[in-house]
PDB file of N, CA and C in Angstrom:
ATOM      1  N   UNK A   1     -18.483 -30.117   4.774  1.00  0.00           N
ATOM      2  CA  UNK A   1     -19.487 -31.114   4.473  1.00  0.00           C
ATOM      3  C   UNK A   1     -19.031 -32.426   5.096  1.00  0.00           C
ATOM      4  N   UNK A   2     -19.946 -33.116   5.741  1.00  0.00           N
ATOM      5  CA  UNK A   2     -19.606 -34.390   6.356  1.00  0.00           C
ATOM      6  C   UNK A   2     -19.348 -35.439   5.281  1.00  0.00           C
ATOM      7  N   UNK A   3     -18.659 -36.515   5.673  1.00  0.00           N
ATOM      8  CA  UNK A   3     -18.370 -37.584   4.715  1.00  0.00           C
ATOM      9  C   UNK A   3     -19.658 -38.177   4.158  1.00  0.00           C
ATOM     10  N   UNK A   4     -20.649 -38.351   5.001  1.00  0.00           N
ATOM     11  CA  UNK A   4     -21.926 -38.899   4.549  1.00  0.00           C
ATOM     12  C   UNK A   4     -22.592 -37.966   3.541  1.00  0.00           C
ATOM     13  N   UNK A   5     -22.603 -36.683   3.837  1.00  0.00           N
ATOM     14  CA  UNK A   5     -23.206 -35.714   2.923  1.00  0.00           C
ATOM     15  C   UNK A   5     -22.422 -35.654   1.618  1.00  0.00           C
ATOM     16  N   UNK A   6     -21.094 -35.707   1.699  1.00  0.00           N
ATOM     17  CA  UNK A   6     -20.264 -35.679   0.492  1.00  0.00           C
ATOM     18  C   UNK A   6     -20.502 -36.920  -0.360  1.00  0.00           C
ATOM     19  N   UNK A   7     -20.625 -38.078   0.284  1.00  0.00           N
ATOM     20  CA  UNK A   7     -20.904 -39.312  -0.454  1.00  0.00           C
ATOM     21  C   UNK A   7     -22.257 -39.227  -1.158  1.00  0.00           C
ATOM     22  N   UNK A   8     -23.264 -38.729  -0.465  1.00  0.00           N
ATOM     23  CA  UNK A   8     -24.595 -38.606  -1.061  1.00  0.00           C
ATOM     24  C   UNK A   8     -24.566 -37.614  -2.227  1.00  0.00           C
ATOM     25  N   UNK A   9     -23.890 -36.498  -2.050  1.00  0.00           N
ATOM     26  CA  UNK A   9     -23.798 -35.499  -3.115  1.00  0.00           C
ATOM     27  C   UNK A   9     -23.073 -36.060  -4.324  1.00  0.00           C
ATOM     28  N   UNK A  10     -22.037 -36.844  -4.070  1.00  0.00           N
ATOM     29  CA  UNK A  10     -21.289 -37.454  -5.167  1.00  0.00           C
ATOM     30  C   UNK A  10     -22.170 -38.424  -5.949  1.00  0.00           C
ATOM     31  N   UNK A  11     -22.937 -39.248  -5.239  1.00  0.00           N
ATOM     32  CA  UNK A  11     -23.834 -40.201  -5.906  1.00  0.00           C
ATOM     33  C   UNK A  11     -24.887 -39.493  -6.742  1.00  0.00           C
ATOM     34  N   UNK A  12     -25.319 -38.337  -6.289  1.00  0.00           N
ATOM     35  CA  UNK A  12     -26.340 -37.592  -7.017  1.00  0.00           C
ATOM     36  C   UNK A  12     -25.746 -36.718  -8.123  1.00  0.00           C
ATOM     37  N   UNK A  13     -24.436 -36.727  -8.248  1.00  0.00           N
ATOM     38  CA  UNK A  13     -23.796 -35.920  -9.279  1.00  0.00           C
ATOM     39  C   UNK A  13     -23.724 -34.444  -8.926  1.00  0.00           C
ATOM     40  N   UNK A  14     -23.771 -34.123  -7.634  1.00  0.00           N
ATOM     41  CA  UNK A  14     -23.762 -32.730  -7.212  1.00  0.00           C
ATOM     42  C   UNK A  14     -22.370 -32.195  -6.929  1.00  0.00           C
ATOM     43  N   UNK A  15     -21.379 -33.048  -6.852  1.00  0.00           N
ATOM     44  CA  UNK A  15     -20.022 -32.594  -6.580  1.00  0.00           C
ATOM     45  C   UNK A  15     -19.402 -32.123  -7.893  1.00  0.00           C
ATOM     46  N   UNK A  16     -18.775 -30.986  -7.852  1.00  0.00           N
ATOM     47  CA  UNK A  16     -18.189 -30.409  -9.050  1.00  0.00           C
ATOM     48  C   UNK A  16     -16.974 -29.572  -8.678  1.00  0.00           C
ATOM     49  N   UNK A  17     -16.112 -29.365  -9.641  1.00  0.00           N
ATOM     50  CA  UNK A  17     -14.959 -28.493  -9.423  1.00  0.00           C
ATOM     51  C   UNK A  17     -15.374 -27.027  -9.480  1.00  0.00           C
ATOM     52  N   UNK A  18     -16.494 -26.743 -10.140  1.00  0.00           N
ATOM     53  CA  UNK A  18     -16.988 -25.383 -10.259  1.00  0.00           C
ATOM     54  C   UNK A  18     -17.533 -24.939  -8.907  1.00  0.00           C
ATOM     55  N   UNK A  19     -16.938 -23.926  -8.314  1.00  0.00           N
ATOM     56  CA  UNK A  19     -17.345 -23.458  -6.996  1.00  0.00           C
ATOM     57  C   UNK A  19     -18.098 -22.133  -7.075  1.00  0.00           C
ATOM     58  N   UNK A  20     -18.612 -21.788  -8.272  1.00  0.00           N
ATOM     59  CA  UNK A  20     -19.391 -20.561  -8.447  1.00  0.00           C
ATOM     60  C   UNK A  20     -20.865 -20.866  -8.235  1.00  0.00           C
ATOM     61  N   UNK A  21     -21.543 -19.954  -7.547  1.00  0.00           N
ATOM     62  CA  UNK A  21     -22.966 -20.145  -7.288  1.00  0.00           C
ATOM     63  C   UNK A  21     -23.657 -18.780  -7.262  1.00  0.00           C
ATOM     64  N   UNK A  22     -24.809 -18.700  -7.916  1.00  0.00           N
ATOM     65  CA  UNK A  22     -25.583 -17.462  -7.933  1.00  0.00           C
ATOM     66  C   UNK A  22     -26.408 -17.350  -6.651  1.00  0.00           C
ATOM     67  N   UNK A  23     -26.411 -16.162  -6.086  1.00  0.00           N
ATOM     68  CA  UNK A  23     -27.213 -15.886  -4.895  1.00  0.00           C
ATOM     69  C   UNK A  23     -28.197 -14.783  -5.263  1.00  0.00           C
ATOM     70  N   UNK A  24     -29.436 -15.169  -5.557  1.00  0.00           N
ATOM     71  CA  UNK A  24     -30.452 -14.190  -5.913  1.00  0.00           C
ATOM     72  C   UNK A  24     -30.977 -13.553  -4.632  1.00  0.00           C
ATOM     73  N   UNK A  25     -31.007 -12.232  -4.622  1.00  0.00           N
ATOM     74  CA  UNK A  25     -31.396 -11.509  -3.413  1.00  0.00           C
ATOM     75  C   UNK A  25     -30.192 -11.216  -2.536  1.00  0.00           C
ATOM     76  N   UNK A  26     -29.014 -11.180  -3.148  1.00  0.00           N
ATOM     77  CA  UNK A  26     -27.759 -11.031  -2.403  1.00  0.00           C
ATOM     78  C   UNK A  26     -27.630  -9.694  -1.695  1.00  0.00           C
ATOM     79  N   UNK A  27     -28.403  -8.686  -2.096  1.00  0.00           N
ATOM     80  CA  UNK A  27     -28.304  -7.382  -1.435  1.00  0.00           C
ATOM     81  C   UNK A  27     -29.191  -7.285  -0.202  1.00  0.00           C
ATOM     82  N   UNK A  28     -29.988  -8.301   0.052  1.00  0.00           N
ATOM     83  CA  UNK A  28     -30.855  -8.306   1.227  1.00  0.00           C
ATOM     84  C   UNK A  28     -30.155  -8.869   2.457  1.00  0.00           C
ATOM     85  N   UNK A  29     -30.819  -8.845   3.565  1.00  0.00           N
ATOM     86  CA  UNK A  29     -30.247  -9.309   4.828  1.00  0.00           C
ATOM     87  C   UNK A  29     -29.862 -10.787   4.770  1.00  0.00           C
ATOM     88  N   UNK A  30     -30.805 -11.637   4.410  1.00  0.00           N
ATOM     89  CA  UNK A  30     -30.518 -13.074   4.348  1.00  0.00           C
ATOM     90  C   UNK A  30     -29.492 -13.376   3.260  1.00  0.00           C
ATOM     91  N   UNK A  31     -29.636 -12.745   2.091  1.00  0.00           N
ATOM     92  CA  UNK A  31     -28.676 -12.943   1.009  1.00  0.00           C
ATOM     93  C   UNK A  31     -27.268 -12.573   1.429  1.00  0.00           C
ATOM     94  N   UNK A  32     -27.135 -11.522   2.208  1.00  0.00           N
ATOM     95  CA  UNK A  32     -25.818 -11.113   2.713  1.00  0.00           C
ATOM     96  C   UNK A  32     -25.198 -12.174   3.609  1.00  0.00           C
ATOM     97  N   UNK A  33     -26.026 -12.782   4.454  1.00  0.00           N
ATOM     98  CA  UNK A  33     -25.535 -13.866   5.310  1.00  0.00           C
ATOM     99  C   UNK A  33     -25.093 -15.055   4.459  1.00  0.00           C
ATOM    100  N   UNK A  34     -25.877 -15.371   3.427  1.00  0.00           N
ATOM    101  CA  UNK A  34     -25.549 -16.495   2.552  1.00  0.00           C
ATOM    102  C   UNK A  34     -24.226 -16.236   1.837  1.00  0.00           C
ATOM    103  N   UNK A  35     -24.055 -15.026   1.299  1.00  0.00           N
ATOM    104  CA  UNK A  35     -22.809 -14.669   0.601  1.00  0.00           C
ATOM    105  C   UNK A  35     -21.613 -14.795   1.539  1.00  0.00           C
ATOM    106  N   UNK A  36     -21.731 -14.274   2.735  1.00  0.00           N
ATOM    107  CA  UNK A  36     -20.633 -14.359   3.713  1.00  0.00           C
ATOM    108  C   UNK A  36     -20.265 -15.809   4.014  1.00  0.00           C
ATOM    109  N   UNK A  37     -21.277 -16.644   4.214  1.00  0.00           N
ATOM    110  CA  UNK A  37     -21.017 -18.040   4.533  1.00  0.00           C
ATOM    111  C   UNK A  37     -20.382 -18.767   3.349  1.00  0.00           C
ATOM    112  N   UNK A  38     -20.855 -18.497   2.134  1.00  0.00           N
ATOM    113  CA  UNK A  38     -20.260 -19.127   0.954  1.00  0.00           C
ATOM    114  C   UNK A  38     -18.790 -18.735   0.802  1.00  0.00           C
ATOM    115  N   UNK A  39     -18.483 -17.461   0.996  1.00  0.00           N
ATOM    116  CA  UNK A  39     -17.088 -17.014   0.905  1.00  0.00           C
ATOM    117  C   UNK A  39     -16.224 -17.707   1.956  1.00  0.00           C
ATOM    118  N   UNK A  40     -16.756 -17.810   3.158  1.00  0.00           N
ATOM    119  CA  UNK A  40     -16.017 -18.469   4.241  1.00  0.00           C
ATOM    120  C   UNK A  40     -15.722 -19.927   3.903  1.00  0.00           C
ATOM    121  N   UNK A  41     -16.630 -20.564   3.156  1.00  0.00           N
ATOM    122  CA  UNK A  41     -16.477 -21.974   2.796  1.00  0.00           C
ATOM    123  C   UNK A  41     -15.711 -22.193   1.486  1.00  0.00           C
ATOM    124  N   UNK A  42     -15.216 -21.109   0.890  1.00  0.00           N
ATOM    125  CA  UNK A  42     -14.406 -21.244  -0.314  1.00  0.00           C
ATOM    126  C   UNK A  42     -15.170 -21.224  -1.624  1.00  0.00           C
ATOM    127  N   UNK A  43     -16.433 -20.845  -1.591  1.00  0.00           N
ATOM    128  CA  UNK A  43     -17.228 -20.744  -2.811  1.00  0.00           C
ATOM    129  C   UNK A  43     -17.030 -19.369  -3.435  1.00  0.00           C
ATOM    130  N   UNK A  44     -17.443 -19.203  -4.683  1.00  0.00           N
ATOM    131  CA  UNK A  44     -17.380 -17.935  -5.396  1.00  0.00           C
ATOM    132  C   UNK A  44     -18.807 -17.477  -5.703  1.00  0.00           C
ATOM    133  N   UNK A  45     -19.430 -16.740  -4.771  1.00  0.00           N
ATOM    134  CA  UNK A  45     -20.803 -16.315  -5.018  1.00  0.00           C
ATOM    135  C   UNK A  45     -20.890 -15.261  -6.121  1.00  0.00           C
ATOM    136  N   UNK A  46     -21.929 -15.354  -6.924  1.00  0.00           N
ATOM    137  CA  UNK A  46     -22.254 -14.353  -7.932  1.00  0.00           C
ATOM    138  C   UNK A  46     -23.491 -13.628  -7.408  1.00  0.00           C
ATOM    139  N   UNK A  47     -23.337 -12.340  -7.134  1.00  0.00           N
ATOM    140  CA  UNK A  47     -24.435 -11.579  -6.565  1.00  0.00           C
ATOM    141  C   UNK A  47     -25.471 -11.293  -7.634  1.00  0.00           C
ATOM    142  N   UNK A  48     -26.703 -11.636  -7.342  1.00  0.00           N
ATOM    143  CA  UNK A  48     -27.775 -11.419  -8.302  1.00  0.00           C
ATOM    144  C   UNK A  48     -29.007 -10.878  -7.591  1.00  0.00           C
ATOM    145  N   UNK A  49     -29.835 -10.185  -8.356  1.00  0.00           N
ATOM    146  CA  UNK A  49     -31.053  -9.601  -7.837  1.00  0.00           C
ATOM    147  C   UNK A  49     -31.545  -8.548  -8.807  1.00  0.00           C
ATOM    148  N   UNK A  50     -32.595  -7.853  -8.435  1.00  0.00           N
ATOM    149  CA  UNK A  50     -33.203  -6.871  -9.334  1.00  0.00           C
ATOM    150  C   UNK A  50     -32.480  -5.544  -9.372  1.00  0.00           C
ATOM    151  N   UNK A  51     -31.900  -5.107  -8.258  1.00  0.00           N
ATOM    152  CA  UNK A  51     -31.333  -3.764  -8.151  1.00  0.00           C
ATOM    153  C   UNK A  51     -29.812  -3.793  -8.310  1.00  0.00           C
ATOM    154  N   UNK A  52     -29.357  -3.480  -9.525  1.00  0.00           N
ATOM    155  CA  UNK A  52     -27.925  -3.506  -9.809  1.00  0.00           C
ATOM    156  C   UNK A  52     -27.120  -2.570  -8.926  1.00  0.00           C
ATOM    157  N   UNK A  53     -27.682  -1.417  -8.572  1.00  0.00           N
ATOM    158  CA  UNK A  53     -26.982  -0.461  -7.709  1.00  0.00           C
ATOM    159  C   UNK A  53     -26.703  -1.027  -6.325  1.00  0.00           C
ATOM    160  N   UNK A  54     -27.701  -1.683  -5.750  1.00  0.00           N
ATOM    161  CA  UNK A  54     -27.510  -2.296  -4.427  1.00  0.00           C
ATOM    162  C   UNK A  54     -26.491  -3.432  -4.500  1.00  0.00           C
ATOM    163  N   UNK A  55     -26.559  -4.214  -5.577  1.00  0.00           N
ATOM    164  CA  UNK A  55     -25.602  -5.322  -5.729  1.00  0.00           C
ATOM    165  C   UNK A  55     -24.182  -4.797  -5.854  1.00  0.00           C
ATOM    166  N   UNK A  56     -23.999  -3.723  -6.622  1.00  0.00           N
ATOM    167  CA  UNK A  56     -22.666  -3.120  -6.774  1.00  0.00           C
ATOM    168  C   UNK A  56     -22.143  -2.615  -5.433  1.00  0.00           C
ATOM    169  N   UNK A  57     -23.029  -2.052  -4.605  1.00  0.00           N
ATOM    170  CA  UNK A  57     -22.625  -1.575  -3.278  1.00  0.00           C
ATOM    171  C   UNK A  57     -22.158  -2.733  -2.402  1.00  0.00           C
ATOM    172  N   UNK A  58     -22.868  -3.857  -2.466  1.00  0.00           N
ATOM    173  CA  UNK A  58     -22.461  -5.043  -1.699  1.00  0.00           C
ATOM    174  C   UNK A  58     -21.101  -5.539  -2.188  1.00  0.00           C
ATOM    175  N   UNK A  59     -20.921  -5.569  -3.510  1.00  0.00           N
ATOM    176  CA  UNK A  59     -19.646  -6.022  -4.075  1.00  0.00           C
ATOM    177  C   UNK A  59     -18.507  -5.096  -3.666  1.00  0.00           C
ATOM    178  N   UNK A  60     -18.753  -3.800  -3.683  1.00  0.00           N
ATOM    179  CA  UNK A  60     -17.722  -2.830  -3.302  1.00  0.00           C
ATOM    180  C   UNK A  60     -17.306  -3.021  -1.841  1.00  0.00           C
ATOM    181  N   UNK A  61     -18.269  -3.349  -0.993  1.00  0.00           N
ATOM    182  CA  UNK A  61     -17.971  -3.582   0.427  1.00  0.00           C
ATOM    183  C   UNK A  61     -17.117  -4.834   0.621  1.00  0.00           C
ATOM    184  N   UNK A  62     -17.096  -5.693  -0.382  1.00  0.00           N
ATOM    185  CA  UNK A  62     -16.308  -6.933  -0.317  1.00  0.00           C
ATOM    186  C   UNK A  62     -15.048  -6.830  -1.172  1.00  0.00           C
ATOM    187  N   UNK A  63     -14.636  -5.612  -1.459  1.00  0.00           N
ATOM    188  CA  UNK A  63     -13.405  -5.332  -2.208  1.00  0.00           C
ATOM    189  C   UNK A  63     -13.327  -6.057  -3.544  1.00  0.00           C
ATOM    190  N   UNK A  64     -14.455  -6.204  -4.212  1.00  0.00           N
ATOM    191  CA  UNK A  64     -14.468  -6.779  -5.550  1.00  0.00           C
ATOM    192  C   UNK A  64     -14.215  -8.271  -5.624  1.00  0.00           C
ATOM    193  N   UNK A  65     -14.332  -8.985  -4.519  1.00  0.00           N
ATOM    194  CA  UNK A  65     -14.072 -10.432  -4.556  1.00  0.00           C
ATOM    195  C   UNK A  65     -15.269 -11.243  -5.047  1.00  0.00           C
ATOM    196  N   UNK A  66     -16.328 -10.549  -5.473  1.00  0.00           N
ATOM    197  CA  UNK A  66     -17.522 -11.220  -5.992  1.00  0.00           C
ATOM    198  C   UNK A  66     -17.958 -10.577  -7.305  1.00  0.00           C
ATOM    199  N   UNK A  67     -18.595 -11.369  -8.175  1.00  0.00           N
ATOM    200  CA  UNK A  67     -19.157 -10.860  -9.421  1.00  0.00           C
ATOM    201  C   UNK A  67     -20.592 -10.415  -9.182  1.00  0.00           C
ATOM    202  N   UNK A  68     -21.056  -9.487 -10.020  1.00  0.00           N
ATOM    203  CA  UNK A  68     -22.415  -8.977  -9.925  1.00  0.00           C
ATOM    204  C   UNK A  68     -23.136  -9.238 -11.238  1.00  0.00           C
ATOM    205  N   UNK A  69     -24.335  -9.793 -11.153  1.00  0.00           N
ATOM    206  CA  UNK A  69     -25.172 -10.050 -12.328  1.00  0.00           C
ATOM    207  C   UNK A  69     -26.610  -9.665 -12.012  1.00  0.00           C
ATOM    208  N   UNK A  70     -26.974  -8.395 -12.249  1.00  0.00           N
ATOM    209  CA  UNK A  70     -28.375  -8.026 -12.049  1.00  0.00           C
ATOM    210  C   UNK A  70     -29.266  -8.868 -12.960  1.00  0.00           C
ATOM    211  N   UNK A  71     -30.387  -9.303 -12.442  1.00  0.00           N
ATOM    212  CA  UNK A  71     -31.275 -10.168 -13.221  1.00  0.00           C
ATOM    213  C   UNK A  71     -32.714  -9.995 -12.759  1.00  0.00           C
ATOM    214  N   UNK A  72     -33.566  -9.466 -13.635  1.00  0.00           N
ATOM    215  CA  UNK A  72     -34.985  -9.402 -13.275  1.00  0.00           C
ATOM    216  C   UNK A  72     -35.571 -10.810 -13.149  1.00  0.00           C
ATOM    217  N   UNK A  73     -36.553 -10.966 -12.318  1.00  0.00           N
ATOM    218  CA  UNK A  73     -37.153 -12.274 -12.085  1.00  0.00           C
ATOM    219  C   UNK A  73     -37.778 -12.845 -13.360  1.00  0.00           C
ATOM    220  N   UNK A  74     -38.240 -11.967 -14.238  1.00  0.00           N
ATOM    221  CA  UNK A  74     -38.910 -12.429 -15.455  1.00  0.00           C
ATOM    222  C   UNK A  74     -37.965 -12.594 -16.652  1.00  0.00           C
ATOM    223  N   UNK A  75     -36.641 -12.606 -16.415  1.00  0.00           N
ATOM    224  CA  UNK A  75     -35.662 -12.774 -17.500  1.00  0.00           C
ATOM    225  C   UNK A  75     -34.758 -13.966 -17.174  1.00  0.00           C
ATOM    226  N   UNK A  76     -35.157 -15.190 -17.555  1.00  0.00           N
ATOM    227  CA  UNK A  76     -34.411 -16.390 -17.153  1.00  0.00           C
ATOM    228  C   UNK A  76     -32.996 -16.498 -17.728  1.00  0.00           C
ATOM    229  N   UNK A  77     -32.664 -15.741 -18.767  1.00  0.00           N
ATOM    230  CA  UNK A  77     -31.309 -15.838 -19.334  1.00  0.00           C
ATOM    231  C   UNK A  77     -30.395 -14.735 -18.808  1.00  0.00           C
ATOM    232  N   UNK A  78     -30.881 -13.891 -17.912  1.00  0.00           N
ATOM    233  CA  UNK A  78     -30.096 -12.756 -17.431  1.00  0.00           C
ATOM    234  C   UNK A  78     -28.797 -13.180 -16.746  1.00  0.00           C
ATOM    235  N   UNK A  79     -28.771 -14.310 -16.067  1.00  0.00           N
ATOM    236  CA  UNK A  79     -27.545 -14.755 -15.392  1.00  0.00           C
ATOM    237  C   UNK A  79     -26.474 -15.185 -16.376  1.00  0.00           C
ATOM    238  N   UNK A  80     -26.854 -15.488 -17.607  1.00  0.00           N
ATOM    239  CA  UNK A  80     -25.880 -15.900 -18.608  1.00  0.00           C
ATOM    240  C   UNK A  80     -25.140 -14.729 -19.230  1.00  0.00           C
ATOM    241  N   UNK A  81     -25.566 -13.539 -18.974  1.00  0.00           N
ATOM    242  CA  UNK A  81     -24.922 -12.358 -19.570  1.00  0.00           C
ATOM    243  C   UNK A  81     -23.625 -12.046 -18.907  1.00  0.00           C
TER     244      UNK A  81
END
């Protein structure tokens, strides 16, 4: 992140020590790219989406370095489980 972007994020209260982030649709093509980029940048992606089996397969391919949280779109508290 550039210094300008970091300064703006800090002013908005977006900077945090928590580096975990949910990626909904992580088993899809774009979600896979997002997960890879987050890992490369030192984030801890939490794989989320409707199909727990597909998410587990993605996690297995990454040697368990990511958490999996299946979550239907109509269940807003599913990520808290």
